[in-house]
Amino acid sequence: FDKEETKVFNELTRRQRRAFNALPDNNSKIIFIRAMVEKEISWREKL
């Protein structure tokens, strides 16, 4: 993970962490984290 992805990963809620851990492979986990990064960036832009 890059810096932003690591930040998002470390801030996952318990529910998000369970969903992340349930994913079948590393590719889907990477996509999950990147989607969370995009969500956070778009949320910040709305402020």
N, C-alpha and C. Protein backbone atom coordinates (compact mmCIF):
# COMPACT_ATOMS: atom_id res chain seq x y z
N PHE A 1 0.83 -1.18 0.00
CA PHE A 1 0.00 0.00 0.00
C PHE A 1 0.87 1.25 0.00
N ASP A 2 0.34 2.30 -0.63
CA ASP A 2 1.04 3.57 -0.55
C ASP A 2 0.63 4.29 0.75
N LYS A 3 1.10 5.50 0.93
CA LYS A 3 0.86 6.23 2.19
C LYS A 3 -0.63 6.42 2.46
N GLU A 4 -1.37 6.85 1.46
CA GLU A 4 -2.81 7.10 1.63
C GLU A 4 -3.57 5.80 1.91
N GLU A 5 -3.21 4.75 1.19
CA GLU A 5 -3.86 3.45 1.39
C GLU A 5 -3.58 2.90 2.78
N THR A 6 -2.36 3.08 3.26
CA THR A 6 -2.00 2.63 4.60
C THR A 6 -2.81 3.37 5.66
N LYS A 7 -2.98 4.67 5.46
CA LYS A 7 -3.77 5.48 6.39
C LYS A 7 -5.20 4.97 6.45
N VAL A 8 -5.80 4.73 5.29
CA VAL A 8 -7.18 4.23 5.24
C VAL A 8 -7.27 2.85 5.88
N PHE A 9 -6.31 1.98 5.59
CA PHE A 9 -6.32 0.64 6.16
C PHE A 9 -6.27 0.70 7.69
N ASN A 10 -5.43 1.55 8.23
CA ASN A 10 -5.29 1.66 9.68
C ASN A 10 -6.52 2.25 10.35
N GLU A 11 -7.36 2.96 9.59
CA GLU A 11 -8.55 3.60 10.15
C GLU A 11 -9.83 2.82 9.88
N LEU A 12 -9.73 1.60 9.37
CA LEU A 12 -10.93 0.80 9.11
C LEU A 12 -11.68 0.52 10.41
N THR A 13 -13.01 0.58 10.32
CA THR A 13 -13.82 0.20 11.47
C THR A 13 -13.83 -1.31 11.60
N ARG A 14 -14.35 -1.80 12.70
CA ARG A 14 -14.41 -3.25 12.92
C ARG A 14 -15.22 -3.93 11.80
N ARG A 15 -16.33 -3.32 11.42
CA ARG A 15 -17.17 -3.89 10.35
C ARG A 15 -16.43 -3.91 9.02
N GLN A 16 -15.74 -2.82 8.70
CA GLN A 16 -14.97 -2.75 7.45
C GLN A 16 -13.82 -3.75 7.47
N ARG A 17 -13.18 -3.91 8.62
CA ARG A 17 -12.07 -4.86 8.74
C ARG A 17 -12.55 -6.30 8.52
N ARG A 18 -13.73 -6.63 9.05
CA ARG A 18 -14.29 -7.98 8.83
C ARG A 18 -14.59 -8.20 7.36
N ALA A 19 -15.15 -7.19 6.70
CA ALA A 19 -15.43 -7.31 5.26
C ALA A 19 -14.13 -7.47 4.48
N PHE A 20 -13.12 -6.71 4.86
CA PHE A 20 -11.81 -6.80 4.21
C PHE A 20 -11.22 -8.20 4.38
N ASN A 21 -11.25 -8.71 5.60
CA ASN A 21 -10.67 -10.03 5.87
C ASN A 21 -11.43 -11.16 5.19
N ALA A 22 -12.70 -10.95 4.87
CA ALA A 22 -13.50 -11.98 4.23
C ALA A 22 -13.25 -12.07 2.72
N LEU A 23 -12.56 -11.09 2.16
CA LEU A 23 -12.29 -11.10 0.72
C LEU A 23 -11.35 -12.26 0.38
N PRO A 24 -11.56 -12.87 -0.79
CA PRO A 24 -10.86 -14.13 -1.10
C PRO A 24 -9.38 -14.01 -1.46
N ASP A 25 -8.96 -12.89 -2.02
CA ASP A 25 -7.56 -12.82 -2.46
C ASP A 25 -7.01 -11.40 -2.34
N ASN A 26 -5.73 -11.26 -2.57
CA ASN A 26 -5.07 -9.96 -2.41
C ASN A 26 -5.57 -8.93 -3.41
N ASN A 27 -5.89 -9.35 -4.64
CA ASN A 27 -6.38 -8.38 -5.63
C ASN A 27 -7.66 -7.71 -5.17
N SER A 28 -8.59 -8.49 -4.65
CA SER A 28 -9.85 -7.90 -4.19
C SER A 28 -9.62 -7.03 -2.95
N LYS A 29 -8.65 -7.40 -2.11
CA LYS A 29 -8.35 -6.58 -0.94
C LYS A 29 -7.75 -5.24 -1.35
N ILE A 30 -6.89 -5.25 -2.35
CA ILE A 30 -6.30 -4.01 -2.85
C ILE A 30 -7.38 -3.11 -3.45
N ILE A 31 -8.29 -3.69 -4.22
CA ILE A 31 -9.39 -2.92 -4.81
C ILE A 31 -10.27 -2.32 -3.71
N PHE A 32 -10.54 -3.10 -2.67
CA PHE A 32 -11.34 -2.63 -1.54
C PHE A 32 -10.70 -1.39 -0.91
N ILE A 33 -9.41 -1.46 -0.64
CA ILE A 33 -8.70 -0.33 -0.01
C ILE A 33 -8.68 0.87 -0.95
N ARG A 34 -8.43 0.65 -2.23
CA ARG A 34 -8.41 1.78 -3.18
C ARG A 34 -9.78 2.44 -3.27
N ALA A 35 -10.85 1.65 -3.20
CA ALA A 35 -12.20 2.22 -3.21
C ALA A 35 -12.43 3.06 -1.96
N MET A 36 -11.93 2.59 -0.83
CA MET A 36 -12.07 3.35 0.41
C MET A 36 -11.27 4.66 0.33
N VAL A 37 -10.12 4.63 -0.32
CA VAL A 37 -9.32 5.85 -0.51
C VAL A 37 -10.11 6.84 -1.36
N GLU A 38 -10.68 6.36 -2.46
CA GLU A 38 -11.48 7.24 -3.33
C GLU A 38 -12.66 7.84 -2.57
N LYS A 39 -13.30 7.03 -1.75
CA LYS A 39 -14.43 7.50 -0.95
C LYS A 39 -13.98 8.60 0.01
N GLU A 40 -12.85 8.40 0.67
CA GLU A 40 -12.35 9.40 1.61
C GLU A 40 -11.96 10.69 0.89
N ILE A 41 -11.32 10.57 -0.26
CA ILE A 41 -10.91 11.75 -1.03
C ILE A 41 -12.13 12.55 -1.47
N SER A 42 -13.15 11.86 -1.99
CA SER A 42 -14.35 12.57 -2.44
C SER A 42 -15.07 13.20 -1.26
N TRP A 43 -15.04 12.55 -0.09
CA TRP A 43 -15.66 13.12 1.09
C TRP A 43 -14.94 14.39 1.52
N ARG A 44 -13.61 14.36 1.48
CA ARG A 44 -12.81 15.54 1.85
C ARG A 44 -13.07 16.70 0.89
N GLU A 45 -13.25 16.40 -0.40
CA GLU A 45 -13.48 17.45 -1.39
C GLU A 45 -14.81 18.14 -1.18
N LYS A 46 -15.78 17.45 -0.59
CA LYS A 46 -17.09 18.04 -0.35
C LYS A 46 -17.07 19.03 0.80
N LEU A 47 -16.07 18.93 1.67
CA LEU A 47 -16.00 19.83 2.83
C LEU A 47 -15.61 21.23 2.47
